[in-house]
Amino acid sequence: MSQSAKIYSGCSTACRRPPQQGTAAAAPARPACQRLAATASSARHDGAHTTPQQQDAASLDVSGAVVQPAFRSTPWDPRQAGGSAAAANPRVANVCLVSESGVCRCVLAAAALSGALQRRGLSAAFRLACRASRDYCLGQGPEPAAGQVAAELGWVLPEAYQAQQFQEARDITEFDMLLVMDKFVAADVLREVSVYDTIQTWGRGGYSSKVRRLGEFAPAAAAAAAAAAGGRGADPDAADIGDPLYGNMESEAELAAVRAAAAAIEESCEGLADFLAGVERHFREGQQAGQEEQEGQTAEASGGAALSEAAIDGGEASGSLGAALTAAVRQLGEMDWLVPPMLAPR
């Protein structure tokens, strides 16, 4: 093994430097941990002439200290391999609803949003899924209280539902928009996702901007956000939909809390459905305008010949509803409660 290829083991990464080129005649410097160990050994054998600092160094054994590096890369994008629903059908956008346990709030939200989209004729345009930010209830079905409240409201819960945990590297690319229930779930989701925006993105990151709170789309929360934009201030927690199961153990209080959460979820999902309907309408109008322009250009080039069906399909596939949804979400602006206090506007 050449001198430049040697790696010192049992020490920090600062010790893993090969000798500089052109200094072969000079004795290579020993790693810092070996020098400190030698100093400590010398101090042990000469205790009569040691200072308190040297005695402290003598009692410190760093020979086994090793820095374990952590490596991250940007998440694999399934769209590049054609493995996502968006790649198969550009007219479908993917929306993920995330709660802490995955058996109550997100399940109710999926039922409420599914009904709201159905009433607007958009069931086929948006694919809904649920995830849990924690692993408390993985593989379990909806909470009984959630099922009871859903039945009272006439909501249909996802069929054969089982809670799945949020997988940041997969889900942040698979879904075009992610709705969390409160700031605690947002912290779980963004803990790893936000790292992806800082490494190897080459300007193509923006994963964190896909994450929003479901409660932001309730009319009351929207009015509060408008007031804050006008300089009147707003409660940063107003858009949170609290966990109704927290502190309640299969009691009337738990059922009442689930009913209150369901009411907040229903109001938010109606506002979200309006937002999604606007995105879908804008996307559809853009696709139609693009088709008409392409048809006109083709007719001029071919002397009035009709545009082929394959060419029309190719023009429609040039964009996707999912990309349009992500772009619309990113235009909503930052969530104020995520901004560090020292960077918040005054």
Foldseek 3Di string as FASTA:
>chain_A
DDQQPDADPQAEPVQGGGDDPPPVVDDDDHGPLVVLQVLLVVCVVVVVPDDPVSPVSVPDRSSRPYDDDDDDAAFDACLVVCPAPCVVPQQAAEEEEEEAAQAALSQLLVQLLCVLCVVVVNNVRYDYYYAHLDHPFFQDHHDPLRVVLCVVVVTDTDPPDGHHHDDQSPVLNRHLAYAYQFVVSLCSNCVPLVVSVVPPCVPPRCSSLRYDHLLCLQPVNVVQVVCVVVVNHHDLGNSHLDDLPVPDDPDPSSSVSSNVSSVSSNRSSNSVSVVLVVLSVVLVVVLVVQLVVVQVVVCVVVVHDGDDPVVSVVSNSPHGSSVSSNVVSSVVDDRQVVDPPVPHDD
